[in-house]
Amino acid sequence: MSKPNNDYPDINKLIIEKLKAFPDAVSELAIKAVQLSEDLPEATVYELMQGHIRDMARKDGGED
């Protein structure tokens, strides 16, 4: 079953604009997840987001 593409881009743009009001780290993660979910299956988005979160934690000194 294919996804109807006609509504998703506008909805995703609206969601992304609303997410920009949140703190940078929250916004970055949520926007990344929305963007990835446009074209990828849920399991792939989950795996990619895990890596992205790990990278952010390392960059921000989350190893402490």
PDB file of N, CA and C in Angstrom:
ATOM      1  N   MET A   1       0.843  -1.175   0.000  1.00  0.00           N
ATOM      2  CA  MET A   1       0.000   0.000   0.000  1.00  0.00           C
ATOM      3  C   MET A   1       0.891   1.242   0.000  1.00  0.00           C
ATOM      4  N   SER A   2       0.660   2.139  -0.907  1.00  0.00           N
ATOM      5  CA  SER A   2       1.483   3.343  -0.990  1.00  0.00           C
ATOM      6  C   SER A   2       0.850   4.472  -0.188  1.00  0.00           C
ATOM      7  N   LYS A   3       1.713   5.377   0.245  1.00  0.00           N
ATOM      8  CA  LYS A   3       1.256   6.526   1.026  1.00  0.00           C
ATOM      9  C   LYS A   3       0.736   7.601   0.085  1.00  0.00           C
ATOM     10  N   PRO A   4      -0.342   8.258   0.443  1.00  0.00           N
ATOM     11  CA  PRO A   4      -0.766   9.408  -0.357  1.00  0.00           C
ATOM     12  C   PRO A   4       0.190  10.572  -0.108  1.00  0.00           C
ATOM     13  N   ASN A   5       0.867  11.035  -1.130  1.00  0.00           N
ATOM     14  CA  ASN A   5       1.902  12.064  -0.981  1.00  0.00           C
ATOM     15  C   ASN A   5       1.360  13.482  -0.981  1.00  0.00           C
ATOM     16  N   ASN A   6       0.131  13.678  -1.410  1.00  0.00           N
ATOM     17  CA  ASN A   6      -0.362  15.034  -1.615  1.00  0.00           C
ATOM     18  C   ASN A   6      -0.443  15.876  -0.350  1.00  0.00           C
ATOM     19  N   ASP A   7      -0.705  15.298   0.818  1.00  0.00           N
ATOM     20  CA  ASP A   7      -0.851  16.103   2.034  1.00  0.00           C
ATOM     21  C   ASP A   7       0.404  16.156   2.890  1.00  0.00           C
ATOM     22  N   TYR A   8       1.250  15.169   2.819  1.00  0.00           N
ATOM     23  CA  TYR A   8       2.390  15.066   3.728  1.00  0.00           C
ATOM     24  C   TYR A   8       3.369  16.242   3.662  1.00  0.00           C
ATOM     25  N   PRO A   9       3.775  16.698   2.499  1.00  0.00           N
ATOM     26  CA  PRO A   9       4.757  17.794   2.490  1.00  0.00           C
ATOM     27  C   PRO A   9       4.262  19.041   3.235  1.00  0.00           C
ATOM     28  N   ASP A  10       3.004  19.422   3.035  1.00  0.00           N
ATOM     29  CA  ASP A  10       2.488  20.610   3.710  1.00  0.00           C
ATOM     30  C   ASP A  10       2.383  20.392   5.214  1.00  0.00           C
ATOM     31  N   ILE A  11       1.944  19.223   5.617  1.00  0.00           N
ATOM     32  CA  ILE A  11       1.832  18.913   7.036  1.00  0.00           C
ATOM     33  C   ILE A  11       3.220  18.896   7.669  1.00  0.00           C
ATOM     34  N   ASN A  12       4.161  18.254   7.006  1.00  0.00           N
ATOM     35  CA  ASN A  12       5.517  18.186   7.545  1.00  0.00           C
ATOM     36  C   ASN A  12       6.143  19.570   7.659  1.00  0.00           C
ATOM     37  N   LYS A  13       5.932  20.427   6.689  1.00  0.00           N
ATOM     38  CA  LYS A  13       6.459  21.793   6.759  1.00  0.00           C
ATOM     39  C   LYS A  13       5.864  22.538   7.954  1.00  0.00           C
ATOM     40  N   LEU A  14       4.584  22.360   8.177  1.00  0.00           N
ATOM     41  CA  LEU A  14       3.927  23.011   9.308  1.00  0.00           C
ATOM     42  C   LEU A  14       4.491  22.491  10.631  1.00  0.00           C
ATOM     43  N   ILE A  15       4.651  21.179  10.722  1.00  0.00           N
ATOM     44  CA  ILE A  15       5.217  20.583  11.942  1.00  0.00           C
ATOM     45  C   ILE A  15       6.624  21.104  12.186  1.00  0.00           C
ATOM     46  N   ILE A  16       7.437  21.131  11.140  1.00  0.00           N
ATOM     47  CA  ILE A  16       8.820  21.605  11.275  1.00  0.00           C
ATOM     48  C   ILE A  16       8.849  23.057  11.734  1.00  0.00           C
ATOM     49  N   GLU A  17       7.988  23.893  11.193  1.00  0.00           N
ATOM     50  CA  GLU A  17       7.945  25.297  11.622  1.00  0.00           C
ATOM     51  C   GLU A  17       7.578  25.408  13.102  1.00  0.00           C
ATOM     52  N   LYS A  18       6.639  24.616  13.560  1.00  0.00           N
ATOM     53  CA  LYS A  18       6.242  24.635  14.971  1.00  0.00           C
ATOM     54  C   LYS A  18       7.377  24.132  15.866  1.00  0.00           C
ATOM     55  N   LEU A  19       8.125  23.135  15.397  1.00  0.00           N
ATOM     56  CA  LEU A  19       9.221  22.565  16.192  1.00  0.00           C
ATOM     57  C   LEU A  19      10.376  23.545  16.389  1.00  0.00           C
ATOM     58  N   LYS A  20      10.514  24.500  15.499  1.00  0.00           N
ATOM     59  CA  LYS A  20      11.605  25.467  15.610  1.00  0.00           C
ATOM     60  C   LYS A  20      11.488  26.344  16.851  1.00  0.00           C
ATOM     61  N   ALA A  21      10.330  26.355  17.487  1.00  0.00           N
ATOM     62  CA  ALA A  21      10.127  27.150  18.698  1.00  0.00           C
ATOM     63  C   ALA A  21      10.704  26.470  19.938  1.00  0.00           C
ATOM     64  N   PHE A  22      11.037  25.196  19.840  1.00  0.00           N
ATOM     65  CA  PHE A  22      11.569  24.447  20.979  1.00  0.00           C
ATOM     66  C   PHE A  22      13.074  24.669  21.106  1.00  0.00           C
ATOM     67  N   PRO A  23      13.659  24.274  22.229  1.00  0.00           N
ATOM     68  CA  PRO A  23      15.116  24.391  22.390  1.00  0.00           C
ATOM     69  C   PRO A  23      15.842  23.677  21.232  1.00  0.00           C
ATOM     70  N   ASP A  24      17.049  24.146  20.929  1.00  0.00           N
ATOM     71  CA  ASP A  24      17.781  23.673  19.758  1.00  0.00           C
ATOM     72  C   ASP A  24      17.924  22.153  19.676  1.00  0.00           C
ATOM     73  N   ALA A  25      18.318  21.513  20.757  1.00  0.00           N
ATOM     74  CA  ALA A  25      18.541  20.065  20.728  1.00  0.00           C
ATOM     75  C   ALA A  25      17.242  19.311  20.447  1.00  0.00           C
ATOM     76  N   VAL A  26      16.170  19.733  21.088  1.00  0.00           N
ATOM     77  CA  VAL A  26      14.864  19.098  20.890  1.00  0.00           C
ATOM     78  C   VAL A  26      14.400  19.312  19.459  1.00  0.00           C
ATOM     79  N   SER A  27      14.505  20.530  19.012  1.00  0.00           N
ATOM     80  CA  SER A  27      14.095  20.884  17.659  1.00  0.00           C
ATOM     81  C   SER A  27      14.878  20.097  16.619  1.00  0.00           C
ATOM     82  N   GLU A  28      16.187  20.036  16.791  1.00  0.00           N
ATOM     83  CA  GLU A  28      17.038  19.331  15.833  1.00  0.00           C
ATOM     84  C   GLU A  28      16.646  17.863  15.717  1.00  0.00           C
ATOM     85  N   LEU A  29      16.459  17.206  16.854  1.00  0.00           N
ATOM     86  CA  LEU A  29      16.100  15.787  16.840  1.00  0.00           C
ATOM     87  C   LEU A  29      14.727  15.551  16.215  1.00  0.00           C
ATOM     88  N   ALA A  30      13.764  16.335  16.610  1.00  0.00           N
ATOM     89  CA  ALA A  30      12.404  16.150  16.113  1.00  0.00           C
ATOM     90  C   ALA A  30      12.312  16.436  14.614  1.00  0.00           C
ATOM     91  N   ILE A  31      12.959  17.497  14.167  1.00  0.00           N
ATOM     92  CA  ILE A  31      12.939  17.839  12.749  1.00  0.00           C
ATOM     93  C   ILE A  31      13.628  16.749  11.932  1.00  0.00           C
ATOM     94  N   LYS A  32      14.748  16.244  12.428  1.00  0.00           N
ATOM     95  CA  LYS A  32      15.456  15.165  11.745  1.00  0.00           C
ATOM     96  C   LYS A  32      14.550  13.942  11.600  1.00  0.00           C
ATOM     97  N   ALA A  33      13.840  13.596  12.664  1.00  0.00           N
ATOM     98  CA  ALA A  33      12.936  12.444  12.626  1.00  0.00           C
ATOM     99  C   ALA A  33      11.809  12.656  11.613  1.00  0.00           C
ATOM    100  N   VAL A  34      11.245  13.843  11.575  1.00  0.00           N
ATOM    101  CA  VAL A  34      10.180  14.142  10.617  1.00  0.00           C
ATOM    102  C   VAL A  34      10.713  14.021   9.197  1.00  0.00           C
ATOM    103  N   GLN A  35      11.878  14.597   8.941  1.00  0.00           N
ATOM    104  CA  GLN A  35      12.448  14.557   7.596  1.00  0.00           C
ATOM    105  C   GLN A  35      12.759  13.129   7.158  1.00  0.00           C
ATOM    106  N   LEU A  36      13.351  12.349   8.046  1.00  0.00           N
ATOM    107  CA  LEU A  36      13.674  10.966   7.700  1.00  0.00           C
ATOM    108  C   LEU A  36      12.416  10.145   7.454  1.00  0.00           C
ATOM    109  N   SER A  37      11.386  10.402   8.225  1.00  0.00           N
ATOM    110  CA  SER A  37      10.161   9.613   8.112  1.00  0.00           C
ATOM    111  C   SER A  37       9.391   9.878   6.825  1.00  0.00           C
ATOM    112  N   GLU A  38       9.754  10.926   6.108  1.00  0.00           N
ATOM    113  CA  GLU A  38       9.086  11.209   4.840  1.00  0.00           C
ATOM    114  C   GLU A  38       9.339  10.112   3.819  1.00  0.00           C
ATOM    115  N   ASP A  39      10.526   9.500   3.852  1.00  0.00           N
ATOM    116  CA  ASP A  39      10.899   8.550   2.807  1.00  0.00           C
ATOM    117  C   ASP A  39      11.316   7.177   3.308  1.00  0.00           C
ATOM    118  N   LEU A  40      11.531   7.035   4.600  1.00  0.00           N
ATOM    119  CA  LEU A  40      12.096   5.789   5.116  1.00  0.00           C
ATOM    120  C   LEU A  40      11.106   5.054   6.017  1.00  0.00           C
ATOM    121  N   PRO A  41      11.262   3.737   6.110  1.00  0.00           N
ATOM    122  CA  PRO A  41      10.408   2.971   7.028  1.00  0.00           C
ATOM    123  C   PRO A  41      10.735   3.291   8.488  1.00  0.00           C
ATOM    124  N   GLU A  42       9.785   3.036   9.353  1.00  0.00           N
ATOM    125  CA  GLU A  42       9.908   3.368  10.769  1.00  0.00           C
ATOM    126  C   GLU A  42      11.160   2.764  11.404  1.00  0.00           C
ATOM    127  N   ALA A  43      11.445   1.503  11.119  1.00  0.00           N
ATOM    128  CA  ALA A  43      12.611   0.838  11.720  1.00  0.00           C
ATOM    129  C   ALA A  43      13.909   1.527  11.311  1.00  0.00           C
ATOM    130  N   THR A  44      13.995   1.968  10.074  1.00  0.00           N
ATOM    131  CA  THR A  44      15.193   2.658   9.587  1.00  0.00           C
ATOM    132  C   THR A  44      15.336   4.009  10.269  1.00  0.00           C
ATOM    133  N   VAL A  45      14.232   4.724  10.408  1.00  0.00           N
ATOM    134  CA  VAL A  45      14.262   6.023  11.097  1.00  0.00           C
ATOM    135  C   VAL A  45      14.749   5.825  12.534  1.00  0.00           C
ATOM    136  N   TYR A  46      14.242   4.803  13.195  1.00  0.00           N
ATOM    137  CA  TYR A  46      14.640   4.498  14.575  1.00  0.00           C
ATOM    138  C   TYR A  46      16.142   4.276  14.666  1.00  0.00           C
ATOM    139  N   GLU A  47      16.687   3.463  13.768  1.00  0.00           N
ATOM    140  CA  GLU A  47      18.128   3.174  13.790  1.00  0.00           C
ATOM    141  C   GLU A  47      18.961   4.423  13.510  1.00  0.00           C
ATOM    142  N   LEU A  48      18.556   5.188  12.520  1.00  0.00           N
ATOM    143  CA  LEU A  48      19.298   6.404  12.183  1.00  0.00           C
ATOM    144  C   LEU A  48      19.238   7.430  13.309  1.00  0.00           C
ATOM    145  N   MET A  49      18.089   7.534  13.959  1.00  0.00           N
ATOM    146  CA  MET A  49      17.955   8.487  15.060  1.00  0.00           C
ATOM    147  C   MET A  49      18.810   8.080  16.254  1.00  0.00           C
ATOM    148  N   GLN A  50      18.937   6.784  16.512  1.00  0.00           N
ATOM    149  CA  GLN A  50      19.812   6.331  17.594  1.00  0.00           C
ATOM    150  C   GLN A  50      21.239   6.821  17.360  1.00  0.00           C
ATOM    151  N   GLY A  51      21.720   6.664  16.141  1.00  0.00           N
ATOM    152  CA  GLY A  51      23.064   7.131  15.809  1.00  0.00           C
ATOM    153  C   GLY A  51      23.187   8.640  15.932  1.00  0.00           C
ATOM    154  N   HIS A  52      22.182   9.336  15.490  1.00  0.00           N
ATOM    155  CA  HIS A  52      22.197  10.801  15.554  1.00  0.00           C
ATOM    156  C   HIS A  52      22.221  11.269  17.014  1.00  0.00           C
ATOM    157  N   ILE A  53      21.452  10.625  17.863  1.00  0.00           N
ATOM    158  CA  ILE A  53      21.418  10.981  19.286  1.00  0.00           C
ATOM    159  C   ILE A  53      22.774  10.708  19.928  1.00  0.00           C
ATOM    160  N   ARG A  54      23.371   9.564  19.596  1.00  0.00           N
ATOM    161  CA  ARG A  54      24.706   9.252  20.139  1.00  0.00           C
ATOM    162  C   ARG A  54      25.720  10.315  19.713  1.00  0.00           C
ATOM    163  N   ASP A  55      25.685  10.699  18.448  1.00  0.00           N
ATOM    164  CA  ASP A  55      26.609  11.719  17.947  1.00  0.00           C
ATOM    165  C   ASP A  55      26.409  13.048  18.671  1.00  0.00           C
ATOM    166  N   MET A  56      25.165  13.424  18.888  1.00  0.00           N
ATOM    167  CA  MET A  56      24.881  14.681  19.597  1.00  0.00           C
ATOM    168  C   MET A  56      25.388  14.614  21.036  1.00  0.00           C
ATOM    169  N   ALA A  57      25.195  13.473  21.682  1.00  0.00           N
ATOM    170  CA  ALA A  57      25.638  13.318  23.068  1.00  0.00           C
ATOM    171  C   ALA A  57      27.155  13.421  23.159  1.00  0.00           C
ATOM    172  N   ARG A  58      27.854  12.807  22.229  1.00  0.00           N
ATOM    173  CA  ARG A  58      29.327  12.891  22.221  1.00  0.00           C
ATOM    174  C   ARG A  58      29.771  14.322  21.993  1.00  0.00           C
ATOM    175  N   LYS A  59      29.146  14.975  21.025  1.00  0.00           N
ATOM    176  CA  LYS A  59      29.514  16.355  20.690  1.00  0.00           C
ATOM    177  C   LYS A  59      29.271  17.297  21.859  1.00  0.00           C
ATOM    178  N   ASP A  60      28.189  17.074  22.582  1.00  0.00           N
ATOM    179  CA  ASP A  60      27.833  17.955  23.706  1.00  0.00           C
ATOM    180  C   ASP A  60      28.460  17.522  25.014  1.00  0.00           C
ATOM    181  N   GLY A  61      29.320  16.526  24.979  1.00  0.00           N
ATOM    182  CA  GLY A  61      29.981  16.089  26.204  1.00  0.00           C
ATOM    183  C   GLY A  61      29.108  15.205  27.060  1.00  0.00           C
ATOM    184  N   GLY A  62      28.193  14.475  26.469  1.00  0.00           N
ATOM    185  CA  GLY A  62      27.299  13.617  27.216  1.00  0.00           C
ATOM    186  C   GLY A  62      27.952  12.396  27.805  1.00  0.00           C
ATOM    187  N   GLU A  63      29.260  12.247  27.618  1.00  0.00           N
ATOM    188  CA  GLU A  63      29.973  11.086  28.141  1.00  0.00           C
ATOM    189  C   GLU A  63      30.275  11.207  29.616  1.00  0.00           C
ATOM    190  N   ASP A  64      30.131  12.410  30.172  1.00  0.00           N
ATOM    191  CA  ASP A  64      30.520  12.670  31.569  1.00  0.00           C
ATOM    192  C   ASP A  64      29.756  11.802  32.549  1.00  0.00           C
TER     193      ASP A  64
END
